[in-house]
PDB file of N, CA and C in Angstrom:
ATOM      1  N   MET A   1      97.538 133.290  71.617  1.00  0.00           N
ATOM      2  CA  MET A   1      97.827 131.885  71.417  1.00  0.00           C
ATOM      3  C   MET A   1      98.117 131.240  72.777  1.00  0.00           C
ATOM      4  N   THR A   2      97.442 130.143  73.088  1.00  0.00           N
ATOM      5  CA  THR A   2      97.650 129.463  74.358  1.00  0.00           C
ATOM      6  C   THR A   2      98.789 128.468  74.233  1.00  0.00           C
ATOM      7  N   PRO A   3      99.564 128.280  75.338  1.00  0.00           N
ATOM      8  CA  PRO A   3     100.661 127.338  75.274  1.00  0.00           C
ATOM      9  C   PRO A   3     100.152 125.905  75.137  1.00  0.00           C
ATOM     10  N   VAL A   4     100.953 125.071  74.528  1.00  0.00           N
ATOM     11  CA  VAL A   4     100.604 123.668  74.365  1.00  0.00           C
ATOM     12  C   VAL A   4     100.866 122.955  75.689  1.00  0.00           C
ATOM     13  N   THR A   5      99.876 122.215  76.153  1.00  0.00           N
ATOM     14  CA  THR A   5     100.032 121.465  77.387  1.00  0.00           C
ATOM     15  C   THR A   5     101.024 120.328  77.155  1.00  0.00           C
ATOM     16  N   THR A   6     102.050 120.289  77.993  1.00  0.00           N
ATOM     17  CA  THR A   6     103.087 119.277  77.830  1.00  0.00           C
ATOM     18  C   THR A   6     103.010 118.192  78.896  1.00  0.00           C
ATOM     19  N   ALA A   7     102.080 118.310  79.829  1.00  0.00           N
ATOM     20  CA  ALA A   7     102.025 117.367  80.936  1.00  0.00           C
ATOM     21  C   ALA A   7     100.678 116.647  80.951  1.00  0.00           C
ATOM     22  N   ASP A   8     100.720 115.309  81.040  1.00  0.00           N
ATOM     23  CA  ASP A   8      99.479 114.556  81.176  1.00  0.00           C
ATOM     24  C   ASP A   8      98.973 114.699  82.608  1.00  0.00           C
ATOM     25  N   SER A   9      97.839 114.085  82.911  1.00  0.00           N
ATOM     26  CA  SER A   9      97.232 114.294  84.228  1.00  0.00           C
ATOM     27  C   SER A   9      98.111 113.802  85.374  1.00  0.00           C
ATOM     28  N   GLU A  10      98.849 112.705  85.168  1.00  0.00           N
ATOM     29  CA  GLU A  10      99.725 112.207  86.233  1.00  0.00           C
ATOM     30  C   GLU A  10     100.889 113.162  86.476  1.00  0.00           C
ATOM     31  N   ALA A  11     101.454 113.723  85.402  1.00  0.00           N
ATOM     32  CA  ALA A  11     102.547 114.689  85.543  1.00  0.00           C
ATOM     33  C   ALA A  11     102.034 115.973  86.192  1.00  0.00           C
ATOM     34  N   GLN A  12     100.831 116.392  85.820  1.00  0.00           N
ATOM     35  CA  GLN A  12     100.233 117.569  86.444  1.00  0.00           C
ATOM     36  C   GLN A  12     100.017 117.325  87.928  1.00  0.00           C
ATOM     37  N   LEU A  13      99.485 116.158  88.264  1.00  0.00           N
ATOM     38  CA  LEU A  13      99.239 115.823  89.666  1.00  0.00           C
ATOM     39  C   LEU A  13     100.539 115.863  90.459  1.00  0.00           C
ATOM     40  N   ALA A  14     101.596 115.277  89.930  1.00  0.00           N
ATOM     41  CA  ALA A  14     102.888 115.273  90.627  1.00  0.00           C
ATOM     42  C   ALA A  14     103.405 116.697  90.823  1.00  0.00           C
ATOM     43  N   ALA A  15     103.289 117.532  89.796  1.00  0.00           N
ATOM     44  CA  ALA A  15     103.740 118.919  89.903  1.00  0.00           C
ATOM     45  C   ALA A  15     102.909 119.697  90.920  1.00  0.00           C
ATOM     46  N   ILE A  16     101.620 119.447  90.930  1.00  0.00           N
ATOM     47  CA  ILE A  16     100.726 120.114  91.874  1.00  0.00           C
ATOM     48  C   ILE A  16     101.068 119.714  93.306  1.00  0.00           C
ATOM     49  N   LEU A  17     101.234 118.431  93.544  1.00  0.00           N
ATOM     50  CA  LEU A  17     101.560 117.961  94.897  1.00  0.00           C
ATOM     51  C   LEU A  17     102.899 118.522  95.365  1.00  0.00           C
ATOM     52  N   GLN A  18     103.881 118.618  94.459  1.00  0.00           N
ATOM     53  CA  GLN A  18     105.182 119.177  94.821  1.00  0.00           C
ATOM     54  C   GLN A  18     105.058 120.658  95.156  1.00  0.00           C
ATOM     55  N   SER A  19     104.304 121.401  94.351  1.00  0.00           N
ATOM     56  CA  SER A  19     104.105 122.823  94.601  1.00  0.00           C
ATOM     57  C   SER A  19     103.412 123.053  95.944  1.00  0.00           C
ATOM     58  N   LEU A  20     102.378 122.264  96.229  1.00  0.00           N
ATOM     59  CA  LEU A  20     101.664 122.402  97.501  1.00  0.00           C
ATOM     60  C   LEU A  20     102.579 122.100  98.683  1.00  0.00           C
ATOM     61  N   SER A  21     103.420 121.089  98.526  1.00  0.00           N
ATOM     62  CA  SER A  21     104.379 120.754  99.571  1.00  0.00           C
ATOM     63  C   SER A  21     105.382 121.888  99.776  1.00  0.00           C
ATOM     64  N   ASP A  22     105.894 122.430  98.670  1.00  0.00           N
ATOM     65  CA  ASP A  22     106.867 123.521  98.744  1.00  0.00           C
ATOM     66  C   ASP A  22     106.293 124.738  99.455  1.00  0.00           C
ATOM     67  N   ASP A  23     105.009 124.990  99.262  1.00  0.00           N
ATOM     68  CA  ASP A  23     104.372 126.171  99.845  1.00  0.00           C
ATOM     69  C   ASP A  23     103.687 125.906 101.184  1.00  0.00           C
ATOM     70  N   LYS A  24     103.965 124.748 101.763  1.00  0.00           N
ATOM     71  CA  LYS A  24     103.484 124.400 103.114  1.00  0.00           C
ATOM     72  C   LYS A  24     101.968 124.294 103.214  1.00  0.00           C
ATOM     73  N   ALA A  25     101.323 123.808 102.136  1.00  0.00           N
ATOM     74  CA  ALA A  25      99.891 123.527 102.225  1.00  0.00           C
ATOM     75  C   ALA A  25      99.693 122.404 103.244  1.00  0.00           C
ATOM     76  N   GLU A  26      98.574 122.429 103.936  1.00  0.00           N
ATOM     77  CA  GLU A  26      98.311 121.456 104.994  1.00  0.00           C
ATOM     78  C   GLU A  26      97.197 120.502 104.595  1.00  0.00           C
ATOM     79  N   ASP A  27      97.220 119.314 105.188  1.00  0.00           N
ATOM     80  CA  ASP A  27      96.162 118.311 105.013  1.00  0.00           C
ATOM     81  C   ASP A  27      95.830 118.071 103.544  1.00  0.00           C
ATOM     82  N   VAL A  28      96.844 117.769 102.757  1.00  0.00           N
ATOM     83  CA  VAL A  28      96.663 117.557 101.321  1.00  0.00           C
ATOM     84  C   VAL A  28      96.050 116.176 101.087  1.00  0.00           C
ATOM     85  N   VAL A  29      94.955 116.163 100.334  1.00  0.00           N
ATOM     86  CA  VAL A  29      94.251 114.924 100.000  1.00  0.00           C
ATOM     87  C   VAL A  29      94.097 114.872  98.487  1.00  0.00           C
ATOM     88  N   GLN A  30      94.436 113.733  97.898  1.00  0.00           N
ATOM     89  CA  GLN A  30      94.203 113.564  96.468  1.00  0.00           C
ATOM     90  C   GLN A  30      93.146 112.493  96.273  1.00  0.00           C
ATOM     91  N   ILE A  31      92.268 112.744  95.303  1.00  0.00           N
ATOM     92  CA  ILE A  31      91.155 111.837  95.035  1.00  0.00           C
ATOM     93  C   ILE A  31      91.189 111.473  93.555  1.00  0.00           C
ATOM     94  N   ASP A  32      91.184 110.198  93.257  1.00  0.00           N
ATOM     95  CA  ASP A  32      91.187 109.705  91.882  1.00  0.00           C
ATOM     96  C   ASP A  32      89.762 109.755  91.348  1.00  0.00           C
ATOM     97  N   LEU A  33      89.538 110.551  90.319  1.00  0.00           N
ATOM     98  CA  LEU A  33      88.203 110.707  89.736  1.00  0.00           C
ATOM     99  C   LEU A  33      88.019 109.909  88.456  1.00  0.00           C
ATOM    100  N   ARG A  34      89.081 109.248  87.996  1.00  0.00           N
ATOM    101  CA  ARG A  34      88.986 108.516  86.730  1.00  0.00           C
ATOM    102  C   ARG A  34      87.889 107.460  86.808  1.00  0.00           C
ATOM    103  N   GLY A  35      87.018 107.455  85.810  1.00  0.00           N
ATOM    104  CA  GLY A  35      85.908 106.509  85.768  1.00  0.00           C
ATOM    105  C   GLY A  35      84.705 106.924  86.588  1.00  0.00           C
ATOM    106  N   LYS A  36      84.805 108.033  87.332  1.00  0.00           N
ATOM    107  CA  LYS A  36      83.698 108.492  88.174  1.00  0.00           C
ATOM    108  C   LYS A  36      83.008 109.718  87.604  1.00  0.00           C
ATOM    109  N   THR A  37      83.777 110.542  86.867  1.00  0.00           N
ATOM    110  CA  THR A  37      83.230 111.767  86.302  1.00  0.00           C
ATOM    111  C   THR A  37      84.097 112.198  85.120  1.00  0.00           C
ATOM    112  N   ALA A  38      83.494 112.963  84.244  1.00  0.00           N
ATOM    113  CA  ALA A  38      84.230 113.457  83.085  1.00  0.00           C
ATOM    114  C   ALA A  38      84.885 114.808  83.349  1.00  0.00           C
ATOM    115  N   MET A  39      84.704 115.377  84.541  1.00  0.00           N
ATOM    116  CA  MET A  39      85.227 116.720  84.793  1.00  0.00           C
ATOM    117  C   MET A  39      86.727 116.759  85.030  1.00  0.00           C
ATOM    118  N   GLY A  40      87.355 115.623  85.251  1.00  0.00           N
ATOM    119  CA  GLY A  40      88.797 115.590  85.457  1.00  0.00           C
ATOM    120  C   GLY A  40      89.244 114.220  85.906  1.00  0.00           C
ATOM    121  N   ASP A  41      90.569 114.039  85.948  1.00  0.00           N
ATOM    122  CA  ASP A  41      91.123 112.761  86.379  1.00  0.00           C
ATOM    123  C   ASP A  41      91.396 112.712  87.882  1.00  0.00           C
ATOM    124  N   TYR A  42      91.756 113.870  88.447  1.00  0.00           N
ATOM    125  CA  TYR A  42      92.093 113.921  89.872  1.00  0.00           C
ATOM    126  C   TYR A  42      91.532 115.188  90.494  1.00  0.00           C
ATOM    127  N   MET A  43      91.283 115.105  91.800  1.00  0.00           N
ATOM    128  CA  MET A  43      90.941 116.266  92.600  1.00  0.00           C
ATOM    129  C   MET A  43      91.924 116.307  93.759  1.00  0.00           C
ATOM    130  N   VAL A  44      92.415 117.498  94.051  1.00  0.00           N
ATOM    131  CA  VAL A  44      93.316 117.686  95.184  1.00  0.00           C
ATOM    132  C   VAL A  44      92.679 118.729  96.082  1.00  0.00           C
ATOM    133  N   ILE A  45      92.639 118.426  97.375  1.00  0.00           N
ATOM    134  CA  ILE A  45      92.069 119.337  98.358  1.00  0.00           C
ATOM    135  C   ILE A  45      93.132 119.593  99.416  1.00  0.00           C
ATOM    136  N   CYS A  46      93.327 120.860  99.772  1.00  0.00           N
ATOM    137  CA  CYS A  46      94.312 121.192 100.804  1.00  0.00           C
ATOM    138  C   CYS A  46      93.881 122.455 101.529  1.00  0.00           C
ATOM    139  N   SER A  47      94.623 122.794 102.567  1.00  0.00           N
ATOM    140  CA  SER A  47      94.327 123.973 103.372  1.00  0.00           C
ATOM    141  C   SER A  47      95.552 124.856 103.497  1.00  0.00           C
ATOM    142  N   GLY A  48      95.277 126.146 103.650  1.00  0.00           N
ATOM    143  CA  GLY A  48      96.284 127.121 104.035  1.00  0.00           C
ATOM    144  C   GLY A  48      95.855 127.692 105.375  1.00  0.00           C
ATOM    145  N   ARG A  49      96.792 128.222 106.128  1.00  0.00           N
ATOM    146  CA  ARG A  49      96.476 128.693 107.477  1.00  0.00           C
ATOM    147  C   ARG A  49      95.698 130.003 107.510  1.00  0.00           C
ATOM    148  N   SER A  50      95.784 130.792 106.436  1.00  0.00           N
ATOM    149  CA  SER A  50      95.120 132.094 106.411  1.00  0.00           C
ATOM    150  C   SER A  50      94.688 132.415 104.979  1.00  0.00           C
ATOM    151  N   SER A  51      93.882 133.447 104.834  1.00  0.00           N
ATOM    152  CA  SER A  51      93.464 133.873 103.496  1.00  0.00           C
ATOM    153  C   SER A  51      94.670 134.248 102.649  1.00  0.00           C
ATOM    154  N   ARG A  52      95.630 134.891 103.262  1.00  0.00           N
ATOM    155  CA  ARG A  52      96.843 135.290 102.532  1.00  0.00           C
ATOM    156  C   ARG A  52      97.604 134.071 102.032  1.00  0.00           C
ATOM    157  N   GLN A  53      97.758 133.050 102.880  1.00  0.00           N
ATOM    158  CA  GLN A  53      98.471 131.853 102.455  1.00  0.00           C
ATOM    159  C   GLN A  53      97.687 131.090 101.381  1.00  0.00           C
ATOM    160  N   VAL A  54      96.377 131.014 101.520  1.00  0.00           N
ATOM    161  CA  VAL A  54      95.546 130.342 100.513  1.00  0.00           C
ATOM    162  C   VAL A  54      95.758 131.001  99.148  1.00  0.00           C
ATOM    163  N   SER A  55      95.687 132.324  99.101  1.00  0.00           N
ATOM    164  CA  SER A  55      95.884 133.048  97.842  1.00  0.00           C
ATOM    165  C   SER A  55      97.290 132.846  97.284  1.00  0.00           C
ATOM    166  N   ALA A  56      98.289 132.874  98.156  1.00  0.00           N
ATOM    167  CA  ALA A  56      99.678 132.705  97.719  1.00  0.00           C
ATOM    168  C   ALA A  56      99.928 131.301  97.180  1.00  0.00           C
ATOM    169  N   ILE A  57      99.399 130.289  97.855  1.00  0.00           N
ATOM    170  CA  ILE A  57      99.539 128.906  97.392  1.00  0.00           C
ATOM    171  C   ILE A  57      98.952 128.774  95.990  1.00  0.00           C
ATOM    172  N   ALA A  58      97.754 129.318  95.805  1.00  0.00           N
ATOM    173  CA  ALA A  58      97.073 129.225  94.510  1.00  0.00           C
ATOM    174  C   ALA A  58      97.841 129.972  93.427  1.00  0.00           C
ATOM    175  N   GLU A  59      98.282 131.176  93.720  1.00  0.00           N
ATOM    176  CA  GLU A  59      98.992 131.989  92.734  1.00  0.00           C
ATOM    177  C   GLU A  59     100.292 131.313  92.293  1.00  0.00           C
ATOM    178  N   LYS A  60     101.054 130.817  93.247  1.00  0.00           N
ATOM    179  CA  LYS A  60     102.316 130.140  92.908  1.00  0.00           C
ATOM    180  C   LYS A  60     102.066 128.863  92.121  1.00  0.00           C
ATOM    181  N   LEU A  61     101.033 128.128  92.482  1.00  0.00           N
ATOM    182  CA  LEU A  61     100.709 126.897  91.770  1.00  0.00           C
ATOM    183  C   LEU A  61     100.376 127.175  90.311  1.00  0.00           C
ATOM    184  N   VAL A  62      99.527 128.153  90.069  1.00  0.00           N
ATOM    185  CA  VAL A  62      99.148 128.501  88.704  1.00  0.00           C
ATOM    186  C   VAL A  62     100.373 128.952  87.903  1.00  0.00           C
ATOM    187  N   ASP A  63     101.216 129.769  88.515  1.00  0.00           N
ATOM    188  CA  ASP A  63     102.426 130.239  87.834  1.00  0.00           C
ATOM    189  C   ASP A  63     103.370 129.092  87.501  1.00  0.00           C
ATOM    190  N   ARG A  64     103.582 128.191  88.458  1.00  0.00           N
ATOM    191  CA  ARG A  64     104.485 127.055  88.216  1.00  0.00           C
ATOM    192  C   ARG A  64     103.957 126.139  87.115  1.00  0.00           C
ATOM    193  N   LEU A  65     102.663 125.865  87.139  1.00  0.00           N
ATOM    194  CA  LEU A  65     102.092 124.996  86.109  1.00  0.00           C
ATOM    195  C   LEU A  65     102.283 125.600  84.718  1.00  0.00           C
ATOM    196  N   LYS A  66     102.068 126.888  84.616  1.00  0.00           N
ATOM    197  CA  LYS A  66     102.196 127.549  83.317  1.00  0.00           C
ATOM    198  C   LYS A  66     103.653 127.630  82.872  1.00  0.00           C
ATOM    199  N   GLN A  67     104.528 128.066  83.761  1.00  0.00           N
ATOM    200  CA  GLN A  67     105.934 128.277  83.403  1.00  0.00           C
ATOM    201  C   GLN A  67     106.701 126.978  83.189  1.00  0.00           C
ATOM    202  N   GLU A  68     106.499 126.013  84.061  1.00  0.00           N
ATOM    203  CA  GLU A  68     107.307 124.797  84.024  1.00  0.00           C
ATOM    204  C   GLU A  68     106.714 123.683  83.172  1.00  0.00           C
ATOM    205  N   HIS A  69     105.390 123.690  82.983  1.00  0.00           N
ATOM    206  CA  HIS A  69     104.749 122.571  82.287  1.00  0.00           C
ATOM    207  C   HIS A  69     103.857 122.997  81.123  1.00  0.00           C
ATOM    208  N   GLY A  70     103.709 124.302  80.908  1.00  0.00           N
ATOM    209  CA  GLY A  70     102.859 124.782  79.829  1.00  0.00           C
ATOM    210  C   GLY A  70     101.392 124.483  80.037  1.00  0.00           C
ATOM    211  N   VAL A  71     100.987 124.342  81.291  1.00  0.00           N
ATOM    212  CA  VAL A  71      99.606 123.987  81.616  1.00  0.00           C
ATOM    213  C   VAL A  71      98.842 125.247  82.031  1.00  0.00           C
ATOM    214  N   PRO A  72      97.881 125.673  81.212  1.00  0.00           N
ATOM    215  CA  PRO A  72      97.063 126.819  81.625  1.00  0.00           C
ATOM    216  C   PRO A  72      96.027 126.373  82.661  1.00  0.00           C
ATOM    217  N   ALA A  73      95.747 127.233  83.612  1.00  0.00           N
ATOM    218  CA  ALA A  73      94.764 126.897  84.645  1.00  0.00           C
ATOM    219  C   ALA A  73      93.814 128.069  84.848  1.00  0.00           C
ATOM    220  N   ARG A  74      92.558 127.746  85.051  1.00  0.00           N
ATOM    221  CA  ARG A  74      91.553 128.753  85.371  1.00  0.00           C
ATOM    222  C   ARG A  74      91.367 128.768  86.888  1.00  0.00           C
ATOM    223  N   THR A  75      91.157 129.946  87.442  1.00  0.00           N
ATOM    224  CA  THR A  75      90.982 130.048  88.889  1.00  0.00           C
ATOM    225  C   THR A  75      89.712 130.825  89.223  1.00  0.00           C
ATOM    226  N   GLU A  76      89.193 130.525  90.384  1.00  0.00           N
ATOM    227  CA  GLU A  76      88.057 131.250  90.962  1.00  0.00           C
ATOM    228  C   GLU A  76      88.349 131.446  92.442  1.00  0.00           C
ATOM    229  N   GLY A  77      88.025 132.627  92.970  1.00  0.00           N
ATOM    230  CA  GLY A  77      88.107 132.867  94.401  1.00  0.00           C
ATOM    231  C   GLY A  77      89.434 133.365  94.927  1.00  0.00           C
ATOM    232  N   ARG A  78      90.373 133.678  94.051  1.00  0.00           N
ATOM    233  CA  ARG A  78      91.704 134.075  94.524  1.00  0.00           C
ATOM    234  C   ARG A  78      91.673 135.408  95.258  1.00  0.00           C
ATOM    235  N   ASP A  79      90.739 136.284  94.924  1.00  0.00           N
ATOM    236  CA  ASP A  79      90.689 137.601  95.563  1.00  0.00           C
ATOM    237  C   ASP A  79      90.315 137.533  97.035  1.00  0.00           C
ATOM    238  N   THR A  80      89.383 136.635  97.392  1.00  0.00           N
ATOM    239  CA  THR A  80      88.952 136.566  98.793  1.00  0.00           C
ATOM    240  C   THR A  80      89.839 135.659  99.628  1.00  0.00           C
ATOM    241  N   GLY A  81      90.349 134.590  99.038  1.00  0.00           N
ATOM    242  CA  GLY A  81      91.276 133.718  99.755  1.00  0.00           C
ATOM    243  C   GLY A  81      90.639 132.767 100.743  1.00  0.00           C
ATOM    244  N   ASP A  82      89.321 132.599 100.698  1.00  0.00           N
ATOM    245  CA  ASP A  82      88.679 131.624 101.576  1.00  0.00           C
ATOM    246  C   ASP A  82      88.703 130.232 100.937  1.00  0.00           C
ATOM    247  N   TRP A  83      88.437 130.207  99.623  1.00  0.00           N
ATOM    248  CA  TRP A  83      88.391 128.955  98.874  1.00  0.00           C
ATOM    249  C   TRP A  83      88.794 129.288  97.448  1.00  0.00           C
ATOM    250  N   VAL A  84      89.911 128.772  97.015  1.00  0.00           N
ATOM    251  CA  VAL A  84      90.360 129.009  95.649  1.00  0.00           C
ATOM    252  C   VAL A  84      90.247 127.708  94.880  1.00  0.00           C
ATOM    253  N   LEU A  85      89.591 127.778  93.735  1.00  0.00           N
ATOM    254  CA  LEU A  85      89.442 126.641  92.837  1.00  0.00           C
ATOM    255  C   LEU A  85      90.395 126.843  91.676  1.00  0.00           C
ATOM    256  N   ILE A  86      91.200 125.832  91.382  1.00  0.00           N
ATOM    257  CA  ILE A  86      92.138 125.857  90.261  1.00  0.00           C
ATOM    258  C   ILE A  86      91.797 124.665  89.383  1.00  0.00           C
ATOM    259  N   ASP A  87      91.536 124.928  88.107  1.00  0.00           N
ATOM    260  CA  ASP A  87      91.125 123.877  87.177  1.00  0.00           C
ATOM    261  C   ASP A  87      92.072 123.848  85.992  1.00  0.00           C
ATOM    262  N   THR A  88      92.791 122.739  85.826  1.00  0.00           N
ATOM    263  CA  THR A  88      93.693 122.587  84.683  1.00  0.00           C
ATOM    264  C   THR A  88      93.022 121.827  83.546  1.00  0.00           C
ATOM    265  N   GLY A  89      91.819 121.339  83.795  1.00  0.00           N
ATOM    266  CA  GLY A  89      91.135 120.497  82.831  1.00  0.00           C
ATOM    267  C   GLY A  89      91.269 119.027  83.201  1.00  0.00           C
ATOM    268  N   ASP A  90      92.449 118.626  83.666  1.00  0.00           N
ATOM    269  CA  ASP A  90      92.685 117.245  84.099  1.00  0.00           C
ATOM    270  C   ASP A  90      92.682 117.103  85.619  1.00  0.00           C
ATOM    271  N   VAL A  91      93.117 118.152  86.299  1.00  0.00           N
ATOM    272  CA  VAL A  91      93.206 118.123  87.758  1.00  0.00           C
ATOM    273  C   VAL A  91      92.498 119.357  88.307  1.00  0.00           C
ATOM    274  N   ILE A  92      91.668 119.132  89.314  1.00  0.00           N
ATOM    275  CA  ILE A  92      90.954 120.216  89.982  1.00  0.00           C
ATOM    276  C   ILE A  92      91.535 120.336  91.385  1.00  0.00           C
ATOM    277  N   VAL A  93      91.950 121.534  91.740  1.00  0.00           N
ATOM    278  CA  VAL A  93      92.565 121.771  93.045  1.00  0.00           C
ATOM    279  C   VAL A  93      91.694 122.746  93.823  1.00  0.00           C
ATOM    280  N   HIS A  94      91.421 122.387  95.076  1.00  0.00           N
ATOM    281  CA  HIS A  94      90.687 123.261  95.987  1.00  0.00           C
ATOM    282  C   HIS A  94      91.640 123.621  97.117  1.00  0.00           C
ATOM    283  N   VAL A  95      91.858 124.915  97.327  1.00  0.00           N
ATOM    284  CA  VAL A  95      92.688 125.390  98.434  1.00  0.00           C
ATOM    285  C   VAL A  95      91.769 126.174  99.359  1.00  0.00           C
ATOM    286  N   PHE A  96      91.657 125.707 100.584  1.00  0.00           N
ATOM    287  CA  PHE A  96      90.708 126.270 101.544  1.00  0.00           C
ATOM    288  C   PHE A  96      91.403 126.861 102.767  1.00  0.00           C
ATOM    289  N   ARG A  97      90.718 127.803 103.419  1.00  0.00           N
ATOM    290  CA  ARG A  97      91.019 128.088 104.819  1.00  0.00           C
ATOM    291  C   ARG A  97      90.384 126.941 105.600  1.00  0.00           C
ATOM    292  N   PRO A  98      90.962 126.524 106.730  1.00  0.00           N
ATOM    293  CA  PRO A  98      90.455 125.349 107.446  1.00  0.00           C
ATOM    294  C   PRO A  98      88.966 125.403 107.791  1.00  0.00           C
ATOM    295  N   GLU A  99      88.470 126.569 108.219  1.00  0.00           N
ATOM    296  CA  GLU A  99      87.062 126.678 108.608  1.00  0.00           C
ATOM    297  C   GLU A  99      86.135 126.462 107.413  1.00  0.00           C
ATOM    298  N   VAL A 100      86.521 126.978 106.270  1.00  0.00           N
ATOM    299  CA  VAL A 100      85.707 126.844 105.064  1.00  0.00           C
ATOM    300  C   VAL A 100      85.733 125.394 104.585  1.00  0.00           C
ATOM    301  N   ARG A 101      86.895 124.781 104.663  1.00  0.00           N
ATOM    302  CA  ARG A 101      87.023 123.371 104.262  1.00  0.00           C
ATOM    303  C   ARG A 101      86.142 122.489 105.138  1.00  0.00           C
ATOM    304  N   GLU A 102      86.143 122.745 106.416  1.00  0.00           N
ATOM    305  CA  GLU A 102      85.320 121.958 107.333  1.00  0.00           C
ATOM    306  C   GLU A 102      83.834 122.132 107.027  1.00  0.00           C
ATOM    307  N   PHE A 103      83.438 123.341 106.667  1.00  0.00           N
ATOM    308  CA  PHE A 103      82.034 123.622 106.363  1.00  0.00           C
ATOM    309  C   PHE A 103      81.562 122.845 105.131  1.00  0.00           C
ATOM    310  N   TYR A 104      82.348 122.851 104.049  1.00  0.00           N
ATOM    311  CA  TYR A 104      81.912 122.218 102.799  1.00  0.00           C
ATOM    312  C   TYR A 104      82.189 120.718 102.730  1.00  0.00           C
ATOM    313  N   GLN A 105      83.198 120.240 103.397  1.00  0.00           N
ATOM    314  CA  GLN A 105      83.519 118.808 103.484  1.00  0.00           C
ATOM    315  C   GLN A 105      83.496 118.097 102.128  1.00  0.00           C
ATOM    316  N   LEU A 106      84.238 118.636 101.163  1.00  0.00           N
ATOM    317  CA  LEU A 106      84.277 118.037  99.827  1.00  0.00           C
ATOM    318  C   LEU A 106      84.810 116.613  99.829  1.00  0.00           C
ATOM    319  N   GLU A 107      85.722 116.328 100.737  1.00  0.00           N
ATOM    320  CA  GLU A 107      86.270 114.971 100.793  1.00  0.00           C
ATOM    321  C   GLU A 107      85.172 113.934 100.979  1.00  0.00           C
ATOM    322  N   LYS A 108      84.225 114.221 101.834  1.00  0.00           N
ATOM    323  CA  LYS A 108      83.145 113.260 102.092  1.00  0.00           C
ATOM    324  C   LYS A 108      82.300 113.009 100.851  1.00  0.00           C
ATOM    325  N   MET A 109      82.174 114.023  99.999  1.00  0.00           N
ATOM    326  CA  MET A 109      81.363 113.887  98.799  1.00  0.00           C
ATOM    327  C   MET A 109      82.061 113.026  97.736  1.00  0.00           C
ATOM    328  N   TRP A 110      83.402 113.087  97.668  1.00  0.00           N
ATOM    329  CA  TRP A 110      84.119 112.459  96.569  1.00  0.00           C
ATOM    330  C   TRP A 110      84.929 111.224  96.942  1.00  0.00           C
ATOM    331  N   MET A 111      85.214 111.006  98.223  1.00  0.00           N
ATOM    332  CA  MET A 111      86.006 109.842  98.622  1.00  0.00           C
ATOM    333  C   MET A 111      85.172 108.573  98.489  1.00  0.00           C
ATOM    334  N   PRO A 112      85.803 107.464  98.143  1.00  0.00           N
ATOM    335  CA  PRO A 112      85.084 106.192  98.098  1.00  0.00           C
ATOM    336  C   PRO A 112      84.498 105.852  99.467  1.00  0.00           C
ATOM    337  N   ILE A 113      83.370 105.155  99.470  1.00  0.00           N
ATOM    338  CA  ILE A 113      82.709 104.783 100.713  1.00  0.00           C
ATOM    339  C   ILE A 113      83.662 103.949 101.559  1.00  0.00           C
ATOM    340  N   GLY A 114      83.734 104.275 102.830  1.00  0.00           N
ATOM    341  CA  GLY A 114      84.597 103.543 103.754  1.00  0.00           C
ATOM    342  C   GLY A 114      86.015 104.086 103.833  1.00  0.00           C
ATOM    343  N   GLN A 115      86.391 104.989 102.926  1.00  0.00           N
ATOM    344  CA  GLN A 115      87.730 105.562 102.964  1.00  0.00           C
ATOM    345  C   GLN A 115      87.633 106.967 103.533  1.00  0.00           C
ATOM    346  N   THR A 116      88.579 107.323 104.385  1.00  0.00           N
ATOM    347  CA  THR A 116      88.591 108.648 104.975  1.00  0.00           C
ATOM    348  C   THR A 116      89.839 109.386 104.531  1.00  0.00           C
ATOM    349  N   ALA A 117      89.841 110.684 104.752  1.00  0.00           N
ATOM    350  CA  ALA A 117      91.001 111.490 104.375  1.00  0.00           C
ATOM    351  C   ALA A 117      92.250 111.028 105.116  1.00  0.00           C
ATOM    352  N   ALA A 118      92.088 110.514 106.326  1.00  0.00           N
ATOM    353  CA  ALA A 118      93.233 110.058 107.101  1.00  0.00           C
ATOM    354  C   ALA A 118      93.886 108.838 106.456  1.00  0.00           C
ATOM    355  N   THR A 119      93.113 108.030 105.712  1.00  0.00           N
ATOM    356  CA  THR A 119      93.688 106.832 105.076  1.00  0.00           C
ATOM    357  C   THR A 119      94.188 107.121 103.677  1.00  0.00           C
ATOM    358  N   GLN A 120      93.925 108.330 103.169  1.00  0.00           N
ATOM    359  CA  GLN A 120      94.349 108.693 101.809  1.00  0.00           C
ATOM    360  C   GLN A 120      95.804 109.145 101.843  1.00  0.00           C
ATOM    361  N   ALA A 121      96.621 108.641 100.932  1.00  0.00           N
ATOM    362  CA  ALA A 121      98.035 109.044 100.909  1.00  0.00           C
ATOM    363  C   ALA A 121      98.307 109.938  99.743  1.00  0.00           C
TER     364      ALA A 121
END
């Protein structure tokens, strides 16, 4: 039996941003996807300094979401730690090593035209 989700997308986003801050994730960018795609309401992209930190950030985030908010999350890539994808259904989180993040440049694909990651709060 899966736990009942108790947090809407805004509450999930707030919990995710707090968890990333607590675990010292770097260059955190949030992107509002509402009205742009049906895959979720928000996307969050951040970096960890090493594969170990990327994996730890992802593992703690998934645990906190489940324990504190009843939000189940699916993950991909946690074993290698280069790029971990966390999907709650409402919020998609990408945790990258800096080199991998630079290579894929997801922000450029999803940010509104004329807006850069530096202007995103």
